[in-house]
Amino acid sequence: MPRVTFHVPSEVKAVVSKHGEIDWDRFVTDTLWTYAKKLRLLDCLASRSKLTHKDVEALDRAIKADLLKKYQNA
């Protein structure tokens, strides 16, 4: 299996170091795999989409405008 190295804040390292009973390699692998599966699904859905980037931006603006109205009236 390939090895991946990444940096974490010292506060996280301190907590992880105190809990040696947890298999952190397994935890991180499972967490990354869960996220990777979601990304794979999104990639699959996006590859079939006929929306252009411009369409997505217009939809984004419309949704945000509706949410703004909703929460301003709440």
N, C-alpha and C. Protein backbone atom coordinates (compact mmCIF):
# COMPACT_ATOMS: atom_id res chain seq x y z
N MET A 1 0.85 -1.17 0.00
CA MET A 1 0.00 0.00 0.00
C MET A 1 0.90 1.24 0.00
N PRO A 2 0.56 2.25 -0.82
CA PRO A 2 1.36 3.47 -0.85
C PRO A 2 1.32 4.20 0.50
N ARG A 3 2.35 4.95 0.75
CA ARG A 3 2.44 5.71 1.99
C ARG A 3 2.16 7.17 1.68
N VAL A 4 1.34 7.82 2.51
CA VAL A 4 1.01 9.22 2.37
C VAL A 4 1.39 9.94 3.66
N THR A 5 2.02 11.08 3.53
CA THR A 5 2.42 11.87 4.69
C THR A 5 1.73 13.22 4.61
N PHE A 6 1.23 13.68 5.75
CA PHE A 6 0.61 14.99 5.79
C PHE A 6 0.88 15.64 7.13
N HIS A 7 0.66 16.93 7.20
CA HIS A 7 0.92 17.70 8.41
C HIS A 7 -0.38 17.95 9.15
N VAL A 8 -0.30 17.90 10.48
CA VAL A 8 -1.44 18.23 11.34
C VAL A 8 -0.98 19.24 12.38
N PRO A 9 -1.91 20.04 12.90
CA PRO A 9 -1.53 20.98 13.96
C PRO A 9 -0.99 20.23 15.18
N SER A 10 -0.13 20.88 15.92
CA SER A 10 0.49 20.23 17.08
C SER A 10 -0.56 19.81 18.11
N GLU A 11 -1.68 20.54 18.20
CA GLU A 11 -2.75 20.16 19.13
C GLU A 11 -3.35 18.80 18.76
N VAL A 12 -3.51 18.57 17.45
CA VAL A 12 -4.04 17.28 16.98
C VAL A 12 -3.03 16.18 17.28
N LYS A 13 -1.78 16.45 17.02
CA LYS A 13 -0.72 15.46 17.28
C LYS A 13 -0.70 15.08 18.76
N ALA A 14 -0.91 16.04 19.64
CA ALA A 14 -0.90 15.77 21.08
C ALA A 14 -2.04 14.83 21.46
N VAL A 15 -3.22 15.06 20.92
CA VAL A 15 -4.36 14.20 21.22
C VAL A 15 -4.15 12.80 20.66
N VAL A 16 -3.68 12.73 19.41
CA VAL A 16 -3.44 11.43 18.78
C VAL A 16 -2.39 10.65 19.57
N SER A 17 -1.35 11.32 20.00
CA SER A 17 -0.28 10.64 20.73
C SER A 17 -0.76 10.07 22.06
N LYS A 18 -1.74 10.70 22.68
CA LYS A 18 -2.27 10.22 23.95
C LYS A 18 -3.15 8.99 23.80
N HIS A 19 -3.58 8.70 22.58
CA HIS A 19 -4.51 7.59 22.36
C HIS A 19 -3.92 6.55 21.42
N GLY A 20 -2.91 5.89 21.92
CA GLY A 20 -2.25 4.84 21.16
C GLY A 20 -3.10 3.60 20.96
N GLU A 21 -4.20 3.50 21.73
CA GLU A 21 -5.09 2.34 21.59
C GLU A 21 -5.89 2.39 20.28
N ILE A 22 -5.89 3.55 19.65
CA ILE A 22 -6.62 3.71 18.39
C ILE A 22 -5.67 3.45 17.23
N ASP A 23 -6.12 2.65 16.29
CA ASP A 23 -5.35 2.37 15.08
C ASP A 23 -5.55 3.55 14.12
N TRP A 24 -4.70 4.56 14.27
CA TRP A 24 -4.87 5.80 13.52
C TRP A 24 -4.68 5.59 12.02
N ASP A 25 -3.80 4.69 11.64
CA ASP A 25 -3.63 4.39 10.21
C ASP A 25 -4.95 3.91 9.62
N ARG A 26 -5.59 3.00 10.32
CA ARG A 26 -6.87 2.46 9.86
C ARG A 26 -7.95 3.55 9.84
N PHE A 27 -7.98 4.36 10.90
CA PHE A 27 -8.96 5.43 10.99
C PHE A 27 -8.83 6.41 9.82
N VAL A 28 -7.60 6.85 9.56
CA VAL A 28 -7.37 7.81 8.47
C VAL A 28 -7.68 7.16 7.12
N THR A 29 -7.25 5.92 6.93
CA THR A 29 -7.53 5.22 5.69
C THR A 29 -9.03 5.10 5.45
N ASP A 30 -9.77 4.69 6.47
CA ASP A 30 -11.23 4.56 6.33
C ASP A 30 -11.89 5.91 6.03
N THR A 31 -11.43 6.94 6.72
CA THR A 31 -11.99 8.27 6.52
C THR A 31 -11.70 8.78 5.11
N LEU A 32 -10.47 8.63 4.66
CA LEU A 32 -10.12 9.05 3.30
C LEU A 32 -10.89 8.25 2.25
N TRP A 33 -11.04 6.95 2.48
CA TRP A 33 -11.76 6.11 1.53
C TRP A 33 -13.23 6.52 1.45
N THR A 34 -13.85 6.84 2.58
CA THR A 34 -15.24 7.29 2.59
C THR A 34 -15.38 8.57 1.76
N TYR A 35 -14.48 9.50 1.96
CA TYR A 35 -14.52 10.76 1.21
C TYR A 35 -14.22 10.52 -0.27
N ALA A 36 -13.27 9.65 -0.56
CA ALA A 36 -12.91 9.35 -1.94
C ALA A 36 -14.09 8.73 -2.70
N LYS A 37 -14.87 7.87 -2.03
CA LYS A 37 -16.04 7.29 -2.68
C LYS A 37 -17.05 8.36 -3.05
N LYS A 38 -17.23 9.35 -2.16
CA LYS A 38 -18.15 10.45 -2.46
C LYS A 38 -17.65 11.26 -3.65
N LEU A 39 -16.34 11.52 -3.68
CA LEU A 39 -15.77 12.26 -4.80
C LEU A 39 -15.91 11.49 -6.10
N ARG A 40 -15.72 10.18 -6.04
CA ARG A 40 -15.87 9.35 -7.24
C ARG A 40 -17.29 9.43 -7.78
N LEU A 41 -18.27 9.39 -6.87
CA LEU A 41 -19.67 9.50 -7.27
C LEU A 41 -19.94 10.87 -7.89
N LEU A 42 -19.43 11.94 -7.25
CA LEU A 42 -19.62 13.28 -7.80
C LEU A 42 -18.97 13.42 -9.17
N ASP A 43 -17.80 12.84 -9.34
CA ASP A 43 -17.13 12.88 -10.64
C ASP A 43 -17.98 12.19 -11.70
N CYS A 44 -18.55 11.05 -11.33
CA CYS A 44 -19.39 10.30 -12.26
C CYS A 44 -20.62 11.12 -12.65
N LEU A 45 -21.28 11.72 -11.66
CA LEU A 45 -22.46 12.53 -11.93
C LEU A 45 -22.11 13.75 -12.78
N ALA A 46 -21.02 14.40 -12.45
CA ALA A 46 -20.61 15.60 -13.18
C ALA A 46 -20.22 15.28 -14.62
N SER A 47 -19.67 14.11 -14.85
CA SER A 47 -19.24 13.75 -16.20
C SER A 47 -20.43 13.57 -17.13
N ARG A 48 -21.60 13.28 -16.56
CA ARG A 48 -22.81 13.09 -17.37
C ARG A 48 -23.64 14.36 -17.48
N SER A 49 -23.25 15.39 -16.77
CA SER A 49 -24.03 16.62 -16.72
C SER A 49 -23.89 17.41 -18.02
N LYS A 50 -24.98 18.02 -18.43
CA LYS A 50 -24.96 18.87 -19.61
C LYS A 50 -24.91 20.35 -19.21
N LEU A 51 -24.84 20.62 -17.90
CA LEU A 51 -24.74 21.99 -17.42
C LEU A 51 -23.36 22.55 -17.74
N THR A 52 -23.35 23.79 -18.16
CA THR A 52 -22.08 24.47 -18.36
C THR A 52 -21.68 25.17 -17.06
N HIS A 53 -20.46 25.62 -17.02
CA HIS A 53 -19.99 26.35 -15.84
C HIS A 53 -20.85 27.60 -15.63
N LYS A 54 -21.22 28.24 -16.73
CA LYS A 54 -22.06 29.44 -16.67
C LYS A 54 -23.44 29.09 -16.09
N ASP A 55 -24.00 27.94 -16.48
CA ASP A 55 -25.29 27.49 -15.94
C ASP A 55 -25.21 27.28 -14.43
N VAL A 56 -24.13 26.67 -13.99
CA VAL A 56 -23.94 26.39 -12.57
C VAL A 56 -23.83 27.70 -11.78
N GLU A 57 -23.10 28.65 -12.32
CA GLU A 57 -22.97 29.94 -11.64
C GLU A 57 -24.32 30.65 -11.54
N ALA A 58 -25.13 30.58 -12.60
CA ALA A 58 -26.46 31.21 -12.57
C ALA A 58 -27.35 30.53 -11.54
N LEU A 59 -27.31 29.22 -11.51
CA LEU A 59 -28.09 28.46 -10.53
C LEU A 59 -27.62 28.79 -9.10
N ASP A 60 -26.34 28.89 -8.92
CA ASP A 60 -25.76 29.24 -7.62
C ASP A 60 -26.27 30.60 -7.15
N ARG A 61 -26.23 31.58 -8.03
CA ARG A 61 -26.70 32.92 -7.67
C ARG A 61 -28.19 32.90 -7.33
N ALA A 62 -28.98 32.17 -8.10
CA ALA A 62 -30.43 32.11 -7.85
C ALA A 62 -30.73 31.47 -6.49
N ILE A 63 -30.05 30.40 -6.17
CA ILE A 63 -30.26 29.72 -4.89
C ILE A 63 -29.86 30.63 -3.74
N LYS A 64 -28.71 31.27 -3.86
CA LYS A 64 -28.24 32.14 -2.78
C LYS A 64 -29.18 33.33 -2.59
N ALA A 65 -29.72 33.88 -3.69
CA ALA A 65 -30.66 35.00 -3.58
C ALA A 65 -31.93 34.55 -2.87
N ASP A 66 -32.44 33.37 -3.20
CA ASP A 66 -33.64 32.85 -2.53
C ASP A 66 -33.39 32.59 -1.05
N LEU A 67 -32.23 32.04 -0.72
CA LEU A 67 -31.90 31.80 0.69
C LEU A 67 -31.77 33.11 1.46
N LEU A 68 -31.18 34.11 0.82
CA LEU A 68 -31.06 35.42 1.47
C LEU A 68 -32.43 35.98 1.79
N LYS A 69 -33.35 35.93 0.83
CA LYS A 69 -34.71 36.41 1.06
C LYS A 69 -35.38 35.63 2.18
N LYS A 70 -35.23 34.32 2.16
CA LYS A 70 -35.86 33.46 3.17
C LYS A 70 -35.40 33.84 4.58
N TYR A 71 -34.10 33.99 4.75
CA TYR A 71 -33.57 34.23 6.08
C TYR A 71 -33.68 35.69 6.52
N GLN A 72 -33.81 36.60 5.57
CA GLN A 72 -34.04 38.00 5.94
C GLN A 72 -35.47 38.16 6.45
N ASN A 73 -36.39 37.36 5.94
CA ASN A 73 -37.79 37.45 6.35
C ASN A 73 -38.09 36.61 7.59
N ALA A 74 -37.14 35.83 8.04
CA ALA A 74 -37.38 34.94 9.19
C ALA A 74 -37.32 35.68 10.50
